[in-house]
N, C-alpha and C. Protein backbone atom coordinates (compact mmCIF):
# COMPACT_ATOMS: atom_id res chain seq x y z
N MET A 1 148.84 99.69 165.37
CA MET A 1 147.90 100.30 164.51
C MET A 1 147.25 99.31 163.55
N GLU A 2 145.98 99.62 163.14
CA GLU A 2 145.22 98.70 162.32
C GLU A 2 145.22 99.20 160.86
N LEU A 3 145.62 98.34 159.99
CA LEU A 3 145.56 98.70 158.53
C LEU A 3 144.63 97.71 157.88
N VAL A 4 143.63 98.29 157.17
CA VAL A 4 142.60 97.44 156.48
C VAL A 4 142.89 97.55 154.98
N VAL A 5 142.97 96.38 154.34
CA VAL A 5 143.12 96.34 152.86
C VAL A 5 141.79 95.95 152.30
N VAL A 6 141.26 96.84 151.35
CA VAL A 6 140.03 96.51 150.65
C VAL A 6 140.39 96.20 149.21
N THR A 7 140.16 95.02 148.80
CA THR A 7 140.55 94.57 147.37
C THR A 7 139.39 94.05 146.64
N ALA A 8 139.26 94.57 145.44
CA ALA A 8 138.11 94.10 144.55
C ALA A 8 138.61 93.14 143.44
N GLY A 9 139.73 92.52 143.58
CA GLY A 9 140.23 91.59 142.62
C GLY A 9 139.28 90.41 142.46
N THR A 10 139.10 90.02 141.20
CA THR A 10 138.13 88.94 140.91
C THR A 10 138.79 87.59 140.63
N SER A 11 140.06 87.60 140.27
CA SER A 11 140.70 86.30 139.92
C SER A 11 141.46 85.80 141.12
N ASP A 12 141.94 84.57 141.03
CA ASP A 12 142.78 83.95 142.04
C ASP A 12 143.87 83.12 141.42
N PRO A 13 145.12 83.60 141.45
CA PRO A 13 145.61 84.85 142.16
C PRO A 13 145.16 86.08 141.45
N SER A 14 145.18 87.15 142.18
CA SER A 14 144.72 88.47 141.65
C SER A 14 145.86 89.45 141.72
N SER A 15 146.08 90.16 140.60
CA SER A 15 147.14 91.15 140.54
C SER A 15 146.74 92.35 141.48
N THR A 16 145.45 92.60 141.55
CA THR A 16 144.98 93.68 142.43
C THR A 16 145.35 93.38 143.87
N ARG A 17 145.03 92.17 144.28
CA ARG A 17 145.33 91.73 145.66
C ARG A 17 146.81 91.75 145.86
N MET A 18 147.63 91.36 144.85
CA MET A 18 149.09 91.31 144.98
C MET A 18 149.63 92.77 145.20
N LEU A 19 149.14 93.68 144.47
CA LEU A 19 149.54 95.10 144.65
C LEU A 19 149.24 95.60 146.03
N ALA A 20 147.99 95.31 146.45
CA ALA A 20 147.57 95.76 147.84
C ALA A 20 148.38 95.09 148.88
N ASP A 21 148.67 93.78 148.75
CA ASP A 21 149.46 93.04 149.73
C ASP A 21 150.87 93.57 149.81
N ARG A 22 151.45 93.87 148.68
CA ARG A 22 152.87 94.37 148.68
C ARG A 22 152.88 95.73 149.33
N THR A 23 151.87 96.53 149.20
CA THR A 23 151.86 97.87 149.84
C THR A 23 151.65 97.70 151.30
N ALA A 24 150.74 96.83 151.73
CA ALA A 24 150.51 96.59 153.16
C ALA A 24 151.78 96.06 153.86
N GLN A 25 152.42 95.12 153.11
CA GLN A 25 153.67 94.51 153.71
C GLN A 25 154.75 95.63 153.90
N LYS A 26 154.84 96.52 152.98
CA LYS A 26 155.82 97.66 153.06
C LYS A 26 155.45 98.58 154.25
N VAL A 27 154.16 98.87 154.41
CA VAL A 27 153.72 99.69 155.57
C VAL A 27 154.19 99.03 156.85
N ALA A 28 153.89 97.72 156.97
CA ALA A 28 154.22 96.99 158.22
C ALA A 28 155.76 97.02 158.40
N GLU A 29 156.50 96.83 157.32
CA GLU A 29 157.94 96.80 157.40
C GLU A 29 158.48 98.15 157.83
N LEU A 30 157.98 99.22 157.35
CA LEU A 30 158.43 100.58 157.62
C LEU A 30 158.09 100.90 159.11
N ALA A 31 156.90 100.44 159.50
CA ALA A 31 156.47 100.68 160.88
C ALA A 31 157.47 100.03 161.89
N GLY A 32 157.82 98.73 161.55
CA GLY A 32 158.71 98.00 162.39
C GLY A 32 160.05 98.69 162.51
N GLN A 33 160.54 99.26 161.44
CA GLN A 33 161.76 100.00 161.42
C GLN A 33 161.74 101.25 162.33
N ARG A 34 160.50 101.74 162.51
CA ARG A 34 160.28 102.96 163.33
C ARG A 34 159.84 102.62 164.73
N GLY A 35 159.93 101.31 165.13
CA GLY A 35 159.56 100.91 166.45
C GLY A 35 158.06 100.73 166.65
N GLY A 36 157.27 100.69 165.58
CA GLY A 36 155.86 100.50 165.70
C GLY A 36 155.41 99.14 165.20
N GLU A 37 154.09 98.93 165.30
CA GLU A 37 153.56 97.66 164.83
C GLU A 37 152.25 97.94 164.07
N VAL A 38 152.07 97.30 162.90
CA VAL A 38 150.84 97.42 162.11
C VAL A 38 150.26 96.03 161.92
N ARG A 39 149.03 95.90 162.27
CA ARG A 39 148.26 94.65 162.05
C ARG A 39 147.38 94.86 160.79
N VAL A 40 147.44 93.89 159.91
CA VAL A 40 146.74 93.99 158.60
C VAL A 40 145.54 93.10 158.56
N ARG A 41 144.45 93.70 158.11
CA ARG A 41 143.16 92.94 157.90
C ARG A 41 142.77 93.10 156.50
N VAL A 42 142.31 92.07 155.88
CA VAL A 42 141.93 92.16 154.43
C VAL A 42 140.43 91.98 154.28
N ILE A 43 139.81 92.88 153.50
CA ILE A 43 138.43 92.72 153.10
C ILE A 43 138.42 92.35 151.57
N ASP A 44 138.06 91.17 151.28
CA ASP A 44 138.08 90.63 149.91
C ASP A 44 136.62 90.85 149.39
N LEU A 45 136.38 91.81 148.51
CA LEU A 45 135.03 92.10 148.14
C LEU A 45 134.37 91.00 147.35
N ARG A 46 135.08 90.07 146.78
CA ARG A 46 134.48 88.92 146.10
C ARG A 46 133.56 88.15 147.08
N GLU A 47 133.93 88.13 148.36
CA GLU A 47 133.13 87.40 149.31
C GLU A 47 131.95 88.15 149.81
N LEU A 48 131.88 89.43 149.46
CA LEU A 48 130.80 90.32 149.93
C LEU A 48 129.83 90.69 148.77
N ALA A 49 130.09 90.21 147.60
CA ALA A 49 129.35 90.69 146.42
C ALA A 49 127.82 90.61 146.60
N THR A 50 127.29 89.49 147.08
CA THR A 50 125.87 89.36 147.29
C THR A 50 125.33 90.34 148.30
N GLU A 51 126.05 90.49 149.43
CA GLU A 51 125.58 91.31 150.52
C GLU A 51 125.68 92.85 150.06
N VAL A 52 126.68 93.18 149.28
CA VAL A 52 126.79 94.57 148.76
C VAL A 52 125.63 94.86 147.85
N THR A 53 125.29 93.92 146.99
CA THR A 53 124.19 94.12 146.05
C THR A 53 122.90 94.31 146.81
N THR A 54 122.64 93.49 147.86
CA THR A 54 121.47 93.58 148.65
C THR A 54 121.37 94.92 149.30
N ALA A 55 122.51 95.43 149.81
CA ALA A 55 122.55 96.71 150.54
C ALA A 55 122.26 97.85 149.66
N LEU A 56 122.53 97.69 148.29
CA LEU A 56 122.31 98.75 147.37
C LEU A 56 120.79 98.97 147.12
N ILE A 57 120.00 97.94 147.24
CA ILE A 57 118.57 97.97 146.96
C ILE A 57 117.70 97.85 148.11
N SER A 58 118.28 97.71 149.34
CA SER A 58 117.47 97.62 150.54
C SER A 58 118.29 98.08 151.71
N PRO A 59 117.58 98.23 152.85
CA PRO A 59 118.33 98.68 154.07
C PRO A 59 119.01 97.47 154.78
N MET A 60 118.96 96.33 154.21
CA MET A 60 119.54 95.15 154.87
C MET A 60 121.05 95.15 154.75
N VAL A 61 121.70 94.88 155.84
CA VAL A 61 123.14 94.73 155.88
C VAL A 61 123.51 93.36 156.43
N GLY A 62 124.09 92.54 155.59
CA GLY A 62 124.49 91.20 155.94
C GLY A 62 125.63 91.14 156.92
N PRO A 63 125.82 89.98 157.57
CA PRO A 63 126.88 89.79 158.64
C PRO A 63 128.28 90.08 158.11
N LYS A 64 128.62 89.64 156.87
CA LYS A 64 129.94 89.80 156.36
C LYS A 64 130.19 91.34 156.10
N LEU A 65 129.17 91.97 155.57
CA LEU A 65 129.28 93.44 155.32
C LEU A 65 129.37 94.19 156.63
N GLU A 66 128.62 93.79 157.66
CA GLU A 66 128.72 94.43 158.97
C GLU A 66 130.13 94.28 159.48
N LYS A 67 130.68 93.12 159.33
CA LYS A 67 132.10 92.88 159.87
C LYS A 67 133.07 93.81 159.12
N ALA A 68 132.90 93.94 157.81
CA ALA A 68 133.79 94.83 157.02
C ALA A 68 133.64 96.24 157.46
N ILE A 69 132.42 96.70 157.74
CA ILE A 69 132.17 98.09 158.12
C ILE A 69 132.80 98.30 159.50
N ALA A 70 132.71 97.34 160.46
CA ALA A 70 133.32 97.49 161.76
C ALA A 70 134.82 97.54 161.62
N ALA A 71 135.42 96.82 160.67
CA ALA A 71 136.86 96.85 160.51
C ALA A 71 137.33 98.24 160.03
N LEU A 72 136.53 98.83 159.06
CA LEU A 72 136.88 100.08 158.57
C LEU A 72 136.70 101.19 159.63
N ARG A 73 135.73 100.99 160.51
CA ARG A 73 135.45 102.00 161.53
C ARG A 73 136.69 102.02 162.51
N GLU A 74 137.30 100.86 162.80
CA GLU A 74 138.42 100.85 163.71
C GLU A 74 139.74 101.03 163.06
N ALA A 75 139.81 101.14 161.74
CA ALA A 75 141.05 101.20 160.99
C ALA A 75 141.74 102.55 161.26
N ASP A 76 143.06 102.43 161.34
CA ASP A 76 143.91 103.65 161.41
C ASP A 76 144.34 104.06 160.01
N GLY A 77 144.25 103.10 159.07
CA GLY A 77 144.66 103.41 157.65
C GLY A 77 144.02 102.33 156.78
N VAL A 78 143.88 102.70 155.44
CA VAL A 78 143.18 101.85 154.52
C VAL A 78 143.95 101.79 153.23
N ILE A 79 144.10 100.67 152.59
CA ILE A 79 144.52 100.52 151.26
C ILE A 79 143.39 100.03 150.37
N ALA A 80 142.94 100.82 149.38
CA ALA A 80 141.78 100.51 148.60
C ALA A 80 142.24 100.22 147.20
N ALA A 81 142.05 98.97 146.74
CA ALA A 81 142.62 98.57 145.47
C ALA A 81 141.52 97.94 144.60
N THR A 82 141.46 98.27 143.27
CA THR A 82 140.50 97.75 142.38
C THR A 82 141.11 97.44 141.06
N PRO A 83 140.61 96.42 140.35
CA PRO A 83 140.94 96.25 138.92
C PRO A 83 140.16 97.33 138.14
N VAL A 84 140.66 97.68 136.96
CA VAL A 84 140.02 98.58 136.09
C VAL A 84 139.28 97.79 134.97
N PHE A 85 138.00 98.08 134.79
CA PHE A 85 137.19 97.44 133.76
C PHE A 85 136.54 98.56 132.92
N LYS A 86 136.77 98.50 131.62
CA LYS A 86 136.17 99.49 130.67
C LYS A 86 136.35 100.92 131.15
N ALA A 87 137.64 101.19 131.40
CA ALA A 87 138.06 102.54 131.70
C ALA A 87 137.52 103.08 133.01
N GLY A 88 137.18 102.21 133.93
CA GLY A 88 136.63 102.66 135.21
C GLY A 88 136.95 101.63 136.33
N ALA A 89 136.76 102.18 137.55
CA ALA A 89 136.99 101.24 138.66
C ALA A 89 135.88 100.14 138.68
N SER A 90 136.22 99.02 139.23
CA SER A 90 135.25 97.90 139.26
C SER A 90 133.93 98.32 139.89
N GLY A 91 132.78 97.86 139.33
CA GLY A 91 131.48 98.13 139.84
C GLY A 91 131.34 97.65 141.29
N LEU A 92 131.95 96.53 141.58
CA LEU A 92 131.88 95.92 142.94
C LEU A 92 132.59 96.89 143.91
N PHE A 93 133.73 97.43 143.47
CA PHE A 93 134.51 98.34 144.34
C PHE A 93 133.71 99.59 144.64
N THR A 94 133.13 100.27 143.64
CA THR A 94 132.47 101.49 143.84
C THR A 94 131.08 101.27 144.59
N SER A 95 130.47 100.15 144.30
CA SER A 95 129.26 99.78 145.02
C SER A 95 129.50 99.62 146.51
N PHE A 96 130.58 98.98 146.81
CA PHE A 96 130.92 98.78 148.28
C PHE A 96 131.02 100.14 149.01
N PHE A 97 131.80 101.06 148.46
CA PHE A 97 132.00 102.31 149.11
C PHE A 97 130.72 103.18 149.02
N GLN A 98 129.83 102.94 148.08
CA GLN A 98 128.59 103.70 148.03
C GLN A 98 127.62 103.28 149.06
N VAL A 99 127.68 101.98 149.53
CA VAL A 99 126.73 101.63 150.56
C VAL A 99 127.23 101.90 151.99
N LEU A 100 128.44 102.35 152.14
CA LEU A 100 128.93 102.71 153.50
C LEU A 100 128.25 104.04 153.84
N GLU A 101 128.27 104.21 155.22
CA GLU A 101 127.70 105.50 155.78
C GLU A 101 128.67 106.60 155.21
N ASN A 102 128.09 107.72 154.90
CA ASN A 102 128.83 108.79 154.31
C ASN A 102 130.00 109.26 155.20
N ASP A 103 129.83 109.16 156.51
CA ASP A 103 130.79 109.68 157.45
C ASP A 103 131.79 108.65 158.02
N LEU A 104 131.70 107.39 157.53
CA LEU A 104 132.51 106.35 158.11
C LEU A 104 134.02 106.55 157.87
N LEU A 105 134.39 107.15 156.77
CA LEU A 105 135.77 107.24 156.41
C LEU A 105 136.34 108.66 156.50
N ILE A 106 135.65 109.51 157.16
CA ILE A 106 136.09 110.88 157.37
C ILE A 106 137.46 110.92 158.01
N ALA A 107 138.49 111.49 157.42
CA ALA A 107 139.81 111.65 157.90
C ALA A 107 140.64 110.36 157.94
N LYS A 108 140.08 109.27 157.43
CA LYS A 108 140.89 108.05 157.41
C LYS A 108 142.01 108.18 156.40
N PRO A 109 143.23 107.89 156.71
CA PRO A 109 144.29 107.87 155.73
C PRO A 109 144.14 106.72 154.75
N ILE A 110 144.21 107.00 153.46
CA ILE A 110 143.96 105.91 152.45
C ILE A 110 144.97 106.06 151.32
N VAL A 111 145.47 104.88 150.91
CA VAL A 111 146.24 104.76 149.65
C VAL A 111 145.35 104.12 148.60
N LEU A 112 145.29 104.75 147.42
CA LEU A 112 144.45 104.26 146.33
C LEU A 112 145.37 103.49 145.37
N ALA A 113 144.83 102.36 144.90
CA ALA A 113 145.58 101.48 143.99
C ALA A 113 144.71 100.85 143.01
N ALA A 114 145.28 100.61 141.78
CA ALA A 114 144.46 99.98 140.70
C ALA A 114 145.43 99.12 139.82
N THR A 115 144.88 98.17 139.17
CA THR A 115 145.56 97.41 138.15
C THR A 115 144.75 97.25 136.87
N ALA A 116 145.45 97.07 135.79
CA ALA A 116 144.71 96.96 134.57
C ALA A 116 145.62 96.23 133.55
N GLY A 117 144.96 95.85 132.39
CA GLY A 117 145.67 95.09 131.39
C GLY A 117 146.47 95.98 130.46
N THR A 118 146.27 97.26 130.59
CA THR A 118 147.05 98.22 129.76
C THR A 118 147.31 99.51 130.47
N ALA A 119 148.46 100.12 130.16
CA ALA A 119 148.82 101.40 130.79
C ALA A 119 147.89 102.50 130.43
N ARG A 120 147.02 102.34 129.40
CA ARG A 120 146.12 103.39 129.02
C ARG A 120 145.11 103.76 130.12
N HIS A 121 144.99 102.86 131.07
CA HIS A 121 143.99 103.11 132.20
C HIS A 121 144.68 103.80 133.36
N GLY A 122 145.91 104.21 133.19
CA GLY A 122 146.68 104.70 134.31
C GLY A 122 146.10 105.94 135.05
N LEU A 123 145.23 106.68 134.38
CA LEU A 123 144.65 107.85 135.06
C LEU A 123 143.40 107.55 135.80
N VAL A 124 142.92 106.30 135.80
CA VAL A 124 141.63 106.04 136.47
C VAL A 124 141.74 106.31 137.98
N VAL A 125 142.90 106.05 138.61
CA VAL A 125 142.99 106.27 139.99
C VAL A 125 142.79 107.73 140.40
N ASP A 126 143.48 108.60 139.74
CA ASP A 126 143.43 109.98 140.15
C ASP A 126 142.19 110.67 139.51
N ASP A 127 141.69 110.19 138.39
CA ASP A 127 140.60 110.85 137.70
C ASP A 127 139.27 110.44 138.25
N GLN A 128 139.15 109.16 138.73
CA GLN A 128 137.85 108.67 139.20
C GLN A 128 137.82 108.31 140.70
N MET A 129 138.81 107.55 141.16
CA MET A 129 138.83 107.04 142.50
C MET A 129 139.01 108.19 143.52
N ARG A 130 139.94 109.13 143.14
CA ARG A 130 140.24 110.16 144.11
C ARG A 130 139.01 111.04 144.39
N SER A 131 138.17 111.32 143.38
CA SER A 131 136.97 112.09 143.60
C SER A 131 135.99 111.36 144.52
N LEU A 132 135.85 110.10 144.47
CA LEU A 132 134.97 109.33 145.32
C LEU A 132 135.38 109.49 146.80
N PHE A 133 136.73 109.35 147.07
CA PHE A 133 137.18 109.42 148.43
C PHE A 133 137.27 110.90 148.86
N GLY A 134 137.34 111.84 147.96
CA GLY A 134 137.18 113.23 148.30
C GLY A 134 135.81 113.50 148.86
N TYR A 135 134.82 112.92 148.19
CA TYR A 135 133.42 113.11 148.64
C TYR A 135 133.30 112.52 150.10
N LEU A 136 133.97 111.38 150.33
CA LEU A 136 133.89 110.68 151.63
C LEU A 136 134.79 111.33 152.67
N ARG A 137 135.50 112.40 152.24
CA ARG A 137 136.37 113.25 153.13
C ARG A 137 137.48 112.46 153.78
N SER A 138 138.01 111.47 153.00
CA SER A 138 139.11 110.69 153.50
C SER A 138 140.38 111.47 153.26
N MET A 139 141.48 111.09 153.99
CA MET A 139 142.81 111.69 153.81
C MET A 139 143.54 110.81 152.80
N VAL A 140 143.47 111.08 151.55
CA VAL A 140 144.06 110.29 150.51
C VAL A 140 145.54 110.61 150.41
N ALA A 141 146.40 109.62 150.43
CA ALA A 141 147.88 109.87 150.30
C ALA A 141 148.18 110.45 148.99
N PRO A 142 149.17 111.35 148.88
CA PRO A 142 149.53 112.06 147.60
C PRO A 142 149.90 111.03 146.53
N THR A 143 150.61 109.95 146.88
CA THR A 143 151.00 108.95 145.85
C THR A 143 149.96 107.93 145.72
N SER A 144 149.44 107.74 144.51
CA SER A 144 148.58 106.60 144.17
C SER A 144 149.33 105.58 143.41
N LEU A 145 148.81 104.41 143.40
CA LEU A 145 149.48 103.23 142.70
C LEU A 145 148.68 102.69 141.60
N PHE A 146 149.42 102.35 140.49
CA PHE A 146 148.80 101.71 139.36
C PHE A 146 149.79 100.77 138.74
N ALA A 147 149.32 99.61 138.35
CA ALA A 147 150.17 98.58 137.72
C ALA A 147 149.52 97.96 136.55
N ALA A 148 150.14 98.11 135.38
CA ALA A 148 149.83 97.33 134.22
C ALA A 148 150.81 96.10 134.14
N PRO A 149 150.57 95.17 133.21
CA PRO A 149 151.48 94.01 133.15
C PRO A 149 152.94 94.31 133.11
N GLU A 150 153.35 95.34 132.30
CA GLU A 150 154.76 95.65 132.19
C GLU A 150 155.39 96.25 133.46
N ASP A 151 154.52 96.77 134.38
CA ASP A 151 155.00 97.43 135.53
C ASP A 151 155.59 96.47 136.58
N TRP A 152 155.18 95.20 136.56
CA TRP A 152 155.57 94.31 137.62
C TRP A 152 157.08 94.02 137.56
N SER A 153 157.70 94.11 136.42
CA SER A 153 159.17 93.93 136.37
C SER A 153 159.98 95.20 136.37
N ASP A 154 159.26 96.31 136.60
CA ASP A 154 159.91 97.63 136.59
C ASP A 154 160.20 98.08 138.03
N PRO A 155 161.50 98.28 138.35
CA PRO A 155 161.87 98.72 139.71
C PRO A 155 161.14 100.01 140.19
N ALA A 156 160.64 100.78 139.21
CA ALA A 156 159.94 102.02 139.56
C ALA A 156 158.71 101.71 140.38
N LEU A 157 158.03 100.56 140.16
CA LEU A 157 156.87 100.23 140.81
C LEU A 157 157.13 100.02 142.35
N ASN A 158 158.26 99.36 142.66
CA ASN A 158 158.65 99.23 144.06
C ASN A 158 158.89 100.56 144.71
N LYS A 159 159.52 101.46 143.99
CA LYS A 159 159.78 102.81 144.59
C LYS A 159 158.44 103.58 144.82
N ARG A 160 157.52 103.37 143.95
CA ARG A 160 156.21 104.06 144.19
C ARG A 160 155.48 103.39 145.35
N ILE A 161 155.56 102.09 145.47
CA ILE A 161 154.93 101.40 146.59
C ILE A 161 155.58 101.86 147.92
N GLU A 162 156.90 101.99 147.91
CA GLU A 162 157.57 102.36 149.15
C GLU A 162 157.16 103.81 149.55
N ARG A 163 157.10 104.69 148.47
CA ARG A 163 156.70 106.06 148.76
C ARG A 163 155.29 106.18 149.29
N ALA A 164 154.37 105.46 148.63
CA ALA A 164 152.97 105.48 149.10
C ALA A 164 152.80 104.89 150.53
N ALA A 165 153.55 103.82 150.79
CA ALA A 165 153.54 103.14 152.06
C ALA A 165 154.00 104.13 153.20
N LEU A 166 155.07 104.83 152.93
CA LEU A 166 155.57 105.75 153.88
C LEU A 166 154.60 106.91 154.15
N GLU A 167 154.03 107.44 153.11
CA GLU A 167 153.00 108.49 153.25
C GLU A 167 151.86 108.00 154.12
N LEU A 168 151.38 106.79 153.82
CA LEU A 168 150.27 106.23 154.58
C LEU A 168 150.66 106.04 156.08
N LEU A 169 151.81 105.52 156.26
CA LEU A 169 152.25 105.30 157.65
C LEU A 169 152.41 106.58 158.49
N LEU A 170 152.91 107.61 157.85
CA LEU A 170 153.08 108.96 158.48
C LEU A 170 151.71 109.50 158.90
N LEU A 171 150.74 109.37 157.94
CA LEU A 171 149.42 109.85 158.20
C LEU A 171 148.77 109.07 159.32
N MET A 172 148.96 107.75 159.40
CA MET A 172 148.47 106.92 160.46
C MET A 172 149.16 107.31 161.77
N GLU A 173 150.42 107.50 161.78
CA GLU A 173 151.17 107.92 163.00
C GLU A 173 150.66 109.23 163.53
N SER A 174 150.22 110.12 162.66
CA SER A 174 149.79 111.41 163.11
C SER A 174 148.58 111.46 163.88
N ASP A 175 147.77 110.40 163.76
CA ASP A 175 146.43 110.32 164.45
C ASP A 175 145.61 111.57 164.18
N PHE A 176 145.65 111.98 162.95
CA PHE A 176 145.02 113.30 162.53
C PHE A 176 143.53 113.31 162.88
N ALA A 177 142.84 112.24 162.58
CA ALA A 177 141.33 112.29 162.75
C ALA A 177 140.94 112.58 164.17
N SER A 178 141.65 112.06 165.14
CA SER A 178 141.29 112.27 166.53
C SER A 178 141.60 113.63 167.05
N LYS A 179 142.36 114.34 166.30
CA LYS A 179 142.84 115.70 166.69
C LYS A 179 141.94 116.86 166.12
N VAL A 180 141.01 116.45 165.26
CA VAL A 180 140.18 117.41 164.61
C VAL A 180 138.71 117.17 165.03
N GLU A 181 137.96 118.18 165.28
CA GLU A 181 136.59 118.07 165.63
C GLU A 181 135.80 117.87 164.36
N TRP A 182 135.35 116.62 164.06
CA TRP A 182 134.78 116.34 162.75
C TRP A 182 133.27 116.47 162.68
N ARG A 183 132.65 116.78 163.85
CA ARG A 183 131.20 116.86 163.84
C ARG A 183 130.68 117.81 162.82
N SER A 184 131.28 118.94 162.72
CA SER A 184 130.77 119.97 161.75
C SER A 184 131.10 119.64 160.31
N TYR A 185 131.89 118.55 160.08
CA TYR A 185 132.23 118.13 158.74
C TYR A 185 131.26 116.97 158.19
N ASN A 186 130.48 116.46 159.12
CA ASN A 186 129.63 115.33 158.77
C ASN A 186 128.61 115.64 157.72
N HIS A 187 128.28 114.63 156.87
CA HIS A 187 127.30 114.78 155.88
C HIS A 187 125.89 114.69 156.55
N GLU A 188 125.69 113.85 157.52
CA GLU A 188 124.41 113.66 158.08
C GLU A 188 124.17 114.60 159.30
N ASP A 189 122.93 114.68 159.74
CA ASP A 189 122.49 115.36 160.99
C ASP A 189 122.92 116.84 160.95
N SER A 190 122.90 117.44 159.82
CA SER A 190 123.25 118.82 159.74
C SER A 190 121.96 119.63 159.47
N ASN A 191 121.76 120.72 160.28
CA ASN A 191 120.58 121.55 160.13
C ASN A 191 120.90 122.83 159.47
N ASP A 192 122.08 122.93 158.86
CA ASP A 192 122.54 124.24 158.32
C ASP A 192 121.62 124.67 157.13
N PHE A 193 120.97 123.70 156.47
CA PHE A 193 120.20 123.99 155.32
C PHE A 193 118.73 123.59 155.52
N ALA A 194 118.25 123.81 156.72
CA ALA A 194 116.87 123.42 157.01
C ALA A 194 115.88 124.32 156.17
N ILE A 195 114.91 123.60 155.60
CA ILE A 195 113.94 124.29 154.76
C ILE A 195 112.54 124.26 155.39
N ASP A 196 111.93 125.46 155.37
CA ASP A 196 110.61 125.60 155.99
C ASP A 196 109.59 125.29 154.84
N LEU A 197 109.05 124.06 154.97
CA LEU A 197 108.13 123.55 153.91
C LEU A 197 106.76 124.27 154.04
N ASP A 198 106.57 125.00 155.11
CA ASP A 198 105.28 125.61 155.31
C ASP A 198 105.30 127.04 154.79
N SER A 199 106.36 127.53 154.22
CA SER A 199 106.37 128.89 153.78
C SER A 199 105.53 129.14 152.55
N ASP A 200 105.16 130.35 152.32
CA ASP A 200 104.36 130.70 151.08
C ASP A 200 105.08 130.22 149.88
N LEU A 201 106.40 130.51 149.81
CA LEU A 201 107.22 130.17 148.54
C LEU A 201 107.19 128.72 148.34
N MET A 202 107.40 127.89 149.41
CA MET A 202 107.40 126.43 149.22
C MET A 202 106.04 125.91 148.84
N ARG A 203 104.91 126.53 149.36
CA ARG A 203 103.59 126.03 149.00
C ARG A 203 103.38 126.38 147.52
N LEU A 204 103.87 127.57 147.07
CA LEU A 204 103.71 127.91 145.62
C LEU A 204 104.52 126.97 144.76
N ALA A 205 105.74 126.60 145.16
CA ALA A 205 106.64 125.71 144.45
C ALA A 205 105.97 124.33 144.28
N ALA A 206 105.23 123.95 145.33
CA ALA A 206 104.56 122.64 145.26
C ALA A 206 103.24 122.61 144.53
N GLY A 207 102.89 123.77 143.93
CA GLY A 207 101.64 123.83 143.15
C GLY A 207 100.51 124.40 143.91
N GLY A 208 100.73 124.84 145.10
CA GLY A 208 99.63 125.42 145.92
C GLY A 208 99.44 126.90 145.56
N SER A 209 98.57 127.54 146.37
CA SER A 209 98.36 129.00 146.07
C SER A 209 98.75 129.80 147.28
């Protein structure tokens, strides 16, 4: 199975990358114990910053961004991790997911993770990130991850990582996305709400008579 890690950490070393890597390592470890194999690929958004910005303001998609999109399309599971800045997910993180096709991540199992300099930002994952991936119709694991500086020495963080990793692995093993007909769930190419622009009502609304 293919596991893709998307990390928006900006420093080197990065605590965000560290949290994502530890989670991915645990997923691979648990898979091995169950007789499976997980290959991990990492998308480091620092390397895509220019191409993400370009894609926000134009239809141009650079080669690095294309490669990242292809990896996500083939992924069986995703770990999405961001640092928290000013009580919100990183702008680079949200911009990356905003430039993706709306239907790219439908039914993809995802673990959400965030790091911050204070525990006061602990609700950012469930309050902000979960709604974004809800719109993208991803299968977000019940357990989300958050780490402030004091959490790294707390055994409870390892327990949360293991729980989230197992949830993600079980979702990946279920192959849920391939067992559901997602065509009717797609955001694009839907004619359910077709509008007749030639009707009397629409001409009136547009200022005609």
